[in-house]
PDB file of N, CA and C in Angstrom:
ATOM      1  N   MET A   1      21.522 -26.370  82.299  1.00  0.00           N
ATOM      2  CA  MET A   1      21.783 -27.778  82.064  1.00  0.00           C
ATOM      3  C   MET A   1      21.038 -28.189  80.792  1.00  0.00           C
ATOM      4  N   ASN A   2      21.735 -28.865  79.872  1.00  0.00           N
ATOM      5  CA  ASN A   2      21.049 -29.302  78.661  1.00  0.00           C
ATOM      6  C   ASN A   2      20.331 -30.634  78.907  1.00  0.00           C
ATOM      7  N   ALA A   3      19.456 -30.990  77.968  1.00  0.00           N
ATOM      8  CA  ALA A   3      18.634 -32.197  78.131  1.00  0.00           C
ATOM      9  C   ALA A   3      19.493 -33.449  78.246  1.00  0.00           C
ATOM     10  N   GLY A   4      20.599 -33.503  77.490  1.00  0.00           N
ATOM     11  CA  GLY A   4      21.474 -34.675  77.538  1.00  0.00           C
ATOM     12  C   GLY A   4      22.085 -34.900  78.904  1.00  0.00           C
ATOM     13  N   SER A   5      22.545 -33.837  79.531  1.00  0.00           N
ATOM     14  CA  SER A   5      23.157 -34.010  80.843  1.00  0.00           C
ATOM     15  C   SER A   5      22.110 -34.346  81.908  1.00  0.00           C
ATOM     16  N   LYS A   6      20.886 -33.879  81.718  1.00  0.00           N
ATOM     17  CA  LYS A   6      19.817 -34.232  82.662  1.00  0.00           C
ATOM     18  C   LYS A   6      19.503 -35.725  82.579  1.00  0.00           C
ATOM     19  N   VAL A   7      19.444 -36.251  81.372  1.00  0.00           N
ATOM     20  CA  VAL A   7      19.198 -37.686  81.191  1.00  0.00           C
ATOM     21  C   VAL A   7      20.351 -38.491  81.776  1.00  0.00           C
ATOM     22  N   THR A   8      21.559 -38.020  81.560  1.00  0.00           N
ATOM     23  CA  THR A   8      22.735 -38.693  82.111  1.00  0.00           C
ATOM     24  C   THR A   8      22.660 -38.738  83.631  1.00  0.00           C
ATOM     25  N   GLN A   9      22.286 -37.644  84.245  1.00  0.00           N
ATOM     26  CA  GLN A   9      22.165 -37.608  85.702  1.00  0.00           C
ATOM     27  C   GLN A   9      21.059 -38.543  86.191  1.00  0.00           C
ATOM     28  N   GLN A  10      19.946 -38.599  85.468  1.00  0.00           N
ATOM     29  CA  GLN A  10      18.856 -39.507  85.841  1.00  0.00           C
ATOM     30  C   GLN A  10      19.310 -40.964  85.738  1.00  0.00           C
ATOM     31  N   PHE A  11      20.036 -41.273  84.656  1.00  0.00           N
ATOM     32  CA  PHE A  11      20.533 -42.643  84.477  1.00  0.00           C
ATOM     33  C   PHE A  11      21.488 -43.004  85.602  1.00  0.00           C
ATOM     34  N   GLU A  12      22.394 -42.112  85.904  1.00  0.00           N
ATOM     35  CA  GLU A  12      23.359 -42.357  86.978  1.00  0.00           C
ATOM     36  C   GLU A  12      22.648 -42.579  88.310  1.00  0.00           C
ATOM     37  N   GLN A  13      21.639 -41.788  88.583  1.00  0.00           N
ATOM     38  CA  GLN A  13      20.890 -41.954  89.829  1.00  0.00           C
ATOM     39  C   GLN A  13      20.200 -43.318  89.872  1.00  0.00           C
ATOM     40  N   CYS A  14      19.569 -43.715  88.774  1.00  0.00           N
ATOM     41  CA  CYS A  14      18.924 -45.031  88.716  1.00  0.00           C
ATOM     42  C   CYS A  14      19.941 -46.155  88.888  1.00  0.00           C
ATOM     43  N   PHE A  15      21.094 -46.002  88.259  1.00  0.00           N
ATOM     44  CA  PHE A  15      22.160 -47.000  88.362  1.00  0.00           C
ATOM     45  C   PHE A  15      22.592 -47.179  89.819  1.00  0.00           C
ATOM     46  N   TYR A  16      22.874 -46.085  90.504  1.00  0.00           N
ATOM     47  CA  TYR A  16      23.328 -46.178  91.889  1.00  0.00           C
ATOM     48  C   TYR A  16      22.233 -46.661  92.834  1.00  0.00           C
ATOM     49  N   GLU A  17      20.993 -46.320  92.558  1.00  0.00           N
ATOM     50  CA  GLU A  17      19.883 -46.847  93.363  1.00  0.00           C
ATOM     51  C   GLU A  17      19.787 -48.367  93.206  1.00  0.00           C
ATOM     52  N   SER A  18      20.009 -48.846  91.993  1.00  0.00           N
ATOM     53  CA  SER A  18      19.982 -50.297  91.755  1.00  0.00           C
ATOM     54  C   SER A  18      21.134 -50.988  92.475  1.00  0.00           C
ATOM     55  N   LEU A  19      22.303 -50.363  92.471  1.00  0.00           N
ATOM     56  CA  LEU A  19      23.435 -50.928  93.218  1.00  0.00           C
ATOM     57  C   LEU A  19      23.120 -51.009  94.712  1.00  0.00           C
ATOM     58  N   LYS A  20      22.497 -49.972  95.242  1.00  0.00           N
ATOM     59  CA  LYS A  20      22.100 -49.986  96.660  1.00  0.00           C
ATOM     60  C   LYS A  20      21.118 -51.119  96.934  1.00  0.00           C
ATOM     61  N   SER A  21      20.195 -51.330  96.008  1.00  0.00           N
ATOM     62  CA  SER A  21      19.210 -52.401  96.150  1.00  0.00           C
ATOM     63  C   SER A  21      19.889 -53.770  96.168  1.00  0.00           C
ATOM     64  N   ILE A  22      20.876 -53.952  95.305  1.00  0.00           N
ATOM     65  CA  ILE A  22      21.635 -55.207  95.275  1.00  0.00           C
ATOM     66  C   ILE A  22      22.365 -55.409  96.595  1.00  0.00           C
ATOM     67  N   GLN A  23      22.999 -54.365  97.101  1.00  0.00           N
ATOM     68  CA  GLN A  23      23.726 -54.471  98.366  1.00  0.00           C
ATOM     69  C   GLN A  23      22.784 -54.792  99.523  1.00  0.00           C
ATOM     70  N   ALA A  24      21.617 -54.188  99.518  1.00  0.00           N
ATOM     71  CA  ALA A  24      20.673 -54.370 100.623  1.00  0.00           C
ATOM     72  C   ALA A  24      20.059 -55.776 100.642  1.00  0.00           C
ATOM     73  N   ALA A  25      19.795 -56.327  99.471  1.00  0.00           N
ATOM     74  CA  ALA A  25      19.138 -57.639  99.403  1.00  0.00           C
ATOM     75  C   ALA A  25      19.608 -58.401  98.161  1.00  0.00           C
ATOM     76  N   PRO A  26      20.832 -58.896  98.170  1.00  0.00           N
ATOM     77  CA  PRO A  26      21.383 -59.538  96.978  1.00  0.00           C
ATOM     78  C   PRO A  26      20.642 -60.799  96.541  1.00  0.00           C
ATOM     79  N   LEU A  27      19.962 -61.469  97.454  1.00  0.00           N
ATOM     80  CA  LEU A  27      19.227 -62.688  97.105  1.00  0.00           C
ATOM     81  C   LEU A  27      17.824 -62.408  96.572  1.00  0.00           C
ATOM     82  N   LEU A  28      17.412 -61.162  96.605  1.00  0.00           N
ATOM     83  CA  LEU A  28      16.077 -60.793  96.163  1.00  0.00           C
ATOM     84  C   LEU A  28      15.858 -61.114  94.683  1.00  0.00           C
ATOM     85  N   TYR A  29      16.878 -60.980  93.897  1.00  0.00           N
ATOM     86  CA  TYR A  29      16.756 -61.161  92.450  1.00  0.00           C
ATOM     87  C   TYR A  29      17.115 -62.590  92.085  1.00  0.00           C
ATOM     88  N   ARG A  30      16.281 -63.201  91.244  1.00  0.00           N
ATOM     89  CA  ARG A  30      16.452 -64.625  90.972  1.00  0.00           C
ATOM     90  C   ARG A  30      17.739 -64.912  90.215  1.00  0.00           C
ATOM     91  N   GLN A  31      18.233 -66.113  90.470  1.00  0.00           N
ATOM     92  CA  GLN A  31      19.453 -66.554  89.807  1.00  0.00           C
ATOM     93  C   GLN A  31      19.104 -67.046  88.411  1.00  0.00           C
ATOM     94  N   ARG A  32      19.893 -66.658  87.433  1.00  0.00           N
ATOM     95  CA  ARG A  32      19.713 -67.061  86.038  1.00  0.00           C
ATOM     96  C   ARG A  32      20.859 -67.977  85.639  1.00  0.00           C
ATOM     97  N   GLU A  33      21.050 -68.157  84.334  1.00  0.00           N
ATOM     98  CA  GLU A  33      22.103 -69.057  83.872  1.00  0.00           C
ATOM     99  C   GLU A  33      23.477 -68.621  84.376  1.00  0.00           C
ATOM    100  N   ASN A  34      24.328 -69.597  84.611  1.00  0.00           N
ATOM    101  CA  ASN A  34      25.701 -69.374  85.079  1.00  0.00           C
ATOM    102  C   ASN A  34      25.785 -68.660  86.419  1.00  0.00           C
ATOM    103  N   GLY A  35      24.738 -68.728  87.215  1.00  0.00           N
ATOM    104  CA  GLY A  35      24.761 -68.095  88.533  1.00  0.00           C
ATOM    105  C   GLY A  35      24.564 -66.593  88.514  1.00  0.00           C
ATOM    106  N   ILE A  36      24.268 -66.037  87.345  1.00  0.00           N
ATOM    107  CA  ILE A  36      24.086 -64.595  87.204  1.00  0.00           C
ATOM    108  C   ILE A  36      22.743 -64.180  87.800  1.00  0.00           C
ATOM    109  N   ARG A  37      22.737 -63.086  88.495  1.00  0.00           N
ATOM    110  CA  ARG A  37      21.505 -62.435  88.952  1.00  0.00           C
ATOM    111  C   ARG A  37      21.425 -61.101  88.236  1.00  0.00           C
ATOM    112  N   ARG A  38      20.209 -60.595  88.099  1.00  0.00           N
ATOM    113  CA  ARG A  38      20.042 -59.386  87.304  1.00  0.00           C
ATOM    114  C   ARG A  38      18.963 -58.500  87.916  1.00  0.00           C
ATOM    115  N   VAL A  39      19.234 -57.209  87.970  1.00  0.00           N
ATOM    116  CA  VAL A  39      18.243 -56.239  88.437  1.00  0.00           C
ATOM    117  C   VAL A  39      18.079 -55.184  87.348  1.00  0.00           C
ATOM    118  N   ASN A  40      16.834 -54.918  86.996  1.00  0.00           N
ATOM    119  CA  ASN A  40      16.551 -53.873  86.008  1.00  0.00           C
ATOM    120  C   ASN A  40      16.552 -52.516  86.692  1.00  0.00           C
ATOM    121  N   LEU A  41      17.023 -51.520  85.977  1.00  0.00           N
ATOM    122  CA  LEU A  41      16.987 -50.153  86.492  1.00  0.00           C
ATOM    123  C   LEU A  41      15.534 -49.672  86.513  1.00  0.00           C
ATOM    124  N   GLU A  42      15.274 -48.659  87.299  1.00  0.00           N
ATOM    125  CA  GLU A  42      13.927 -48.096  87.408  1.00  0.00           C
ATOM    126  C   GLU A  42      13.586 -47.258  86.179  1.00  0.00           C
ATOM    127  N   ALA A  43      12.306 -46.977  86.014  1.00  0.00           N
ATOM    128  CA  ALA A  43      11.823 -46.145  84.899  1.00  0.00           C
ATOM    129  C   ALA A  43      12.486 -44.784  84.958  1.00  0.00           C
ATOM    130  N   PRO A  44      12.832 -44.258  83.842  1.00  0.00           N
ATOM    131  CA  PRO A  44      12.528 -44.640  82.465  1.00  0.00           C
ATOM    132  C   PRO A  44      13.599 -45.517  81.821  1.00  0.00           C
ATOM    133  N   PHE A  45      14.434 -46.166  82.622  1.00  0.00           N
ATOM    134  CA  PHE A  45      15.554 -46.941  82.087  1.00  0.00           C
ATOM    135  C   PHE A  45      15.373 -48.438  82.310  1.00  0.00           C
ATOM    136  N   THR A  46      14.146 -48.932  82.262  1.00  0.00           N
ATOM    137  CA  THR A  46      13.846 -50.317  82.602  1.00  0.00           C
ATOM    138  C   THR A  46      14.436 -51.341  81.637  1.00  0.00           C
ATOM    139  N   GLU A  47      14.861 -50.932  80.468  1.00  0.00           N
ATOM    140  CA  GLU A  47      15.490 -51.885  79.553  1.00  0.00           C
ATOM    141  C   GLU A  47      16.962 -52.102  79.876  1.00  0.00           C
ATOM    142  N   TRP A  48      17.502 -51.329  80.782  1.00  0.00           N
ATOM    143  CA  TRP A  48      18.879 -51.485  81.227  1.00  0.00           C
ATOM    144  C   TRP A  48      18.910 -52.329  82.492  1.00  0.00           C
ATOM    145  N   TYR A  49      19.961 -53.108  82.666  1.00  0.00           N
ATOM    146  CA  TYR A  49      20.062 -53.963  83.852  1.00  0.00           C
ATOM    147  C   TYR A  49      21.512 -54.054  84.314  1.00  0.00           C
ATOM    148  N   ILE A  50      21.645 -54.458  85.563  1.00  0.00           N
ATOM    149  CA  ILE A  50      22.952 -54.759  86.146  1.00  0.00           C
ATOM    150  C   ILE A  50      22.979 -56.258  86.391  1.00  0.00           C
ATOM    151  N   ALA A  51      23.983 -56.931  85.830  1.00  0.00           N
ATOM    152  CA  ALA A  51      24.171 -58.367  86.045  1.00  0.00           C
ATOM    153  C   ALA A  51      25.255 -58.545  87.100  1.00  0.00           C
ATOM    154  N   TYR A  52      25.026 -59.474  88.029  1.00  0.00           N
ATOM    155  CA  TYR A  52      26.003 -59.670  89.096  1.00  0.00           C
ATOM    156  C   TYR A  52      26.049 -61.115  89.554  1.00  0.00           C
ATOM    157  N   LEU A  53      27.149 -61.483  90.154  1.00  0.00           N
ATOM    158  CA  LEU A  53      27.346 -62.782  90.790  1.00  0.00           C
ATOM    159  C   LEU A  53      27.420 -62.553  92.294  1.00  0.00           C
ATOM    160  N   LEU A  54      27.131 -63.602  93.040  1.00  0.00           N
ATOM    161  CA  LEU A  54      27.229 -63.476  94.497  1.00  0.00           C
ATOM    162  C   LEU A  54      28.471 -64.175  95.017  1.00  0.00           C
ATOM    163  N   ASP A  55      29.229 -63.436  95.772  1.00  0.00           N
ATOM    164  CA  ASP A  55      30.328 -63.969  96.540  1.00  0.00           C
ATOM    165  C   ASP A  55      29.767 -64.083  97.957  1.00  0.00           C
ATOM    166  N   THR A  56      30.425 -64.782  98.824  1.00  0.00           N
ATOM    167  CA  THR A  56      29.909 -64.863 100.191  1.00  0.00           C
ATOM    168  C   THR A  56      29.958 -63.511 100.889  1.00  0.00           C
ATOM    169  N   ALA A  57      30.867 -62.652 100.462  1.00  0.00           N
ATOM    170  CA  ALA A  57      31.016 -61.357 101.133  1.00  0.00           C
ATOM    171  C   ALA A  57      30.270 -60.232 100.419  1.00  0.00           C
ATOM    172  N   VAL A  58      30.447 -60.116  99.115  1.00  0.00           N
ATOM    173  CA  VAL A  58      29.871 -58.995  98.379  1.00  0.00           C
ATOM    174  C   VAL A  58      29.405 -59.421  96.992  1.00  0.00           C
ATOM    175  N   PRO A  59      28.375 -58.757  96.460  1.00  0.00           N
ATOM    176  CA  PRO A  59      27.984 -59.016  95.071  1.00  0.00           C
ATOM    177  C   PRO A  59      29.068 -58.491  94.132  1.00  0.00           C
ATOM    178  N   LEU A  60      29.298 -59.198  93.047  1.00  0.00           N
ATOM    179  CA  LEU A  60      30.291 -58.812  92.054  1.00  0.00           C
ATOM    180  C   LEU A  60      29.568 -58.428  90.770  1.00  0.00           C
ATOM    181  N   VAL A  61      29.560 -57.149  90.432  1.00  0.00           N
ATOM    182  CA  VAL A  61      28.912 -56.677  89.212  1.00  0.00           C
ATOM    183  C   VAL A  61      29.768 -57.116  88.028  1.00  0.00           C
ATOM    184  N   VAL A  62      29.137 -57.813  87.078  1.00  0.00           N
ATOM    185  CA  VAL A  62      29.880 -58.293  85.912  1.00  0.00           C
ATOM    186  C   VAL A  62      29.501 -57.558  84.632  1.00  0.00           C
ATOM    187  N   ALA A  63      28.362 -56.860  84.629  1.00  0.00           N
ATOM    188  CA  ALA A  63      27.973 -56.154  83.402  1.00  0.00           C
ATOM    189  C   ALA A  63      26.854 -55.169  83.655  1.00  0.00           C
ATOM    190  N   LEU A  64      26.845 -54.144  82.826  1.00  0.00           N
ATOM    191  CA  LEU A  64      25.708 -53.243  82.679  1.00  0.00           C
ATOM    192  C   LEU A  64      25.246 -53.485  81.253  1.00  0.00           C
ATOM    193  N   GLY A  65      24.013 -53.916  81.098  1.00  0.00           N
ATOM    194  CA  GLY A  65      23.556 -54.281  79.764  1.00  0.00           C
ATOM    195  C   GLY A  65      22.215 -53.691  79.412  1.00  0.00           C
ATOM    196  N   HIS A  66      21.854 -53.855  78.161  1.00  0.00           N
ATOM    197  CA  HIS A  66      20.572 -53.403  77.629  1.00  0.00           C
ATOM    198  C   HIS A  66      19.829 -54.639  77.139  1.00  0.00           C
ATOM    199  N   ALA A  67      18.573 -54.771  77.514  1.00  0.00           N
ATOM    200  CA  ALA A  67      17.802 -55.970  77.218  1.00  0.00           C
ATOM    201  C   ALA A  67      17.648 -56.256  75.729  1.00  0.00           C
ATOM    202  N   LYS A  68      17.708 -55.239  74.896  1.00  0.00           N
ATOM    203  CA  LYS A  68      17.508 -55.447  73.461  1.00  0.00           C
ATOM    204  C   LYS A  68      18.791 -55.341  72.647  1.00  0.00           C
ATOM    205  N   ARG A  69      19.896 -55.111  73.312  1.00  0.00           N
ATOM    206  CA  ARG A  69      21.171 -54.964  72.600  1.00  0.00           C
ATOM    207  C   ARG A  69      22.146 -56.030  73.093  1.00  0.00           C
ATOM    208  N   MET A  70      22.094 -57.177  72.474  1.00  0.00           N
ATOM    209  CA  MET A  70      22.957 -58.297  72.852  1.00  0.00           C
ATOM    210  C   MET A  70      22.931 -58.515  74.372  1.00  0.00           C
ATOM    211  N   PRO A  71      21.794 -58.905  74.924  1.00  0.00           N
ATOM    212  CA  PRO A  71      21.639 -58.962  76.379  1.00  0.00           C
ATOM    213  C   PRO A  71      22.585 -59.918  77.104  1.00  0.00           C
ATOM    214  N   HIS A  72      23.147 -60.877  76.412  1.00  0.00           N
ATOM    215  CA  HIS A  72      24.032 -61.841  77.086  1.00  0.00           C
ATOM    216  C   HIS A  72      25.471 -61.714  76.612  1.00  0.00           C
ATOM    217  N   TYR A  73      25.842 -60.539  76.139  1.00  0.00           N
ATOM    218  CA  TYR A  73      27.170 -60.333  75.555  1.00  0.00           C
ATOM    219  C   TYR A  73      28.304 -60.689  76.493  1.00  0.00           C
ATOM    220  N   PHE A  74      28.094 -60.574  77.761  1.00  0.00           N
ATOM    221  CA  PHE A  74      29.169 -60.739  78.724  1.00  0.00           C
ATOM    222  C   PHE A  74      29.399 -62.186  79.129  1.00  0.00           C
ATOM    223  N   LEU A  75      28.457 -63.090  78.834  1.00  0.00           N
ATOM    224  CA  LEU A  75      28.566 -64.465  79.321  1.00  0.00           C
ATOM    225  C   LEU A  75      29.830 -65.166  78.837  1.00  0.00           C
ATOM    226  N   ASN A  76      30.194 -64.963  77.575  1.00  0.00           N
ATOM    227  CA  ASN A  76      31.399 -65.635  77.083  1.00  0.00           C
ATOM    228  C   ASN A  76      32.673 -65.004  77.634  1.00  0.00           C
ATOM    229  N   ARG A  77      32.575 -63.884  78.287  1.00  0.00           N
ATOM    230  CA  ARG A  77      33.745 -63.226  78.875  1.00  0.00           C
ATOM    231  C   ARG A  77      33.980 -63.641  80.326  1.00  0.00           C
ATOM    232  N   LEU A  78      33.038 -64.350  80.897  1.00  0.00           N
ATOM    233  CA  LEU A  78      33.150 -64.699  82.314  1.00  0.00           C
ATOM    234  C   LEU A  78      34.228 -65.726  82.589  1.00  0.00           C
ATOM    235  N   GLY A  79      34.448 -66.648  81.673  1.00  0.00           N
ATOM    236  CA  GLY A  79      35.430 -67.700  81.919  1.00  0.00           C
ATOM    237  C   GLY A  79      35.065 -68.478  83.157  1.00  0.00           C
ATOM    238  N   ASP A  80      35.949 -68.494  84.115  1.00  0.00           N
ATOM    239  CA  ASP A  80      35.709 -69.237  85.362  1.00  0.00           C
ATOM    240  C   ASP A  80      34.854 -68.475  86.348  1.00  0.00           C
ATOM    241  N   ALA A  81      34.453 -67.263  86.034  1.00  0.00           N
ATOM    242  CA  ALA A  81      33.674 -66.463  86.979  1.00  0.00           C
ATOM    243  C   ALA A  81      32.332 -67.122  87.278  1.00  0.00           C
ATOM    244  N   GLY A  82      31.790 -67.890  86.324  1.00  0.00           N
ATOM    245  CA  GLY A  82      30.523 -68.590  86.568  1.00  0.00           C
ATOM    246  C   GLY A  82      30.697 -69.807  87.447  1.00  0.00           C
ATOM    247  N   ASN A  83      31.929 -70.146  87.776  1.00  0.00           N
ATOM    248  CA  ASN A  83      32.243 -71.284  88.612  1.00  0.00           C
ATOM    249  C   ASN A  83      32.392 -70.824  90.059  1.00  0.00           C
ATOM    250  N   PRO A  84      31.551 -71.331  90.969  1.00  0.00           N
ATOM    251  CA  PRO A  84      31.608 -70.866  92.368  1.00  0.00           C
ATOM    252  C   PRO A  84      32.996 -70.974  93.008  1.00  0.00           C
ATOM    253  N   GLU A  85      33.847 -71.901  92.533  1.00  0.00           N
ATOM    254  CA  GLU A  85      35.188 -72.020  93.105  1.00  0.00           C
ATOM    255  C   GLU A  85      36.036 -70.790  92.802  1.00  0.00           C
ATOM    256  N   TRP A  86      35.735 -70.102  91.685  1.00  0.00           N
ATOM    257  CA  TRP A  86      36.476 -68.898  91.333  1.00  0.00           C
ATOM    258  C   TRP A  86      36.206 -67.790  92.332  1.00  0.00           C
ATOM    259  N   LEU A  87      34.967 -67.739  92.818  1.00  0.00           N
ATOM    260  CA  LEU A  87      34.592 -66.698  93.766  1.00  0.00           C
ATOM    261  C   LEU A  87      35.256 -66.992  95.077  1.00  0.00           C
TER     262      LEU A  87
END
């Protein structure tokens, strides 16, 4: 296995662990602008995050982002998604 694929596997594992954390306790992470909640991935990928909205049934992942690379790039793409009536 080369170093690149090992990093990819580590990132994927951190990503899925974060998704499990969101599913287990979606209210744990504070609400930010437009109703978005955000969880940072674990080390060594702490600058990456998953942004999500809460529906009454399931969290809705709206973006995977990087804190230093246009961190709010997805907000203008949400349209009515930030409106609770859309959910």
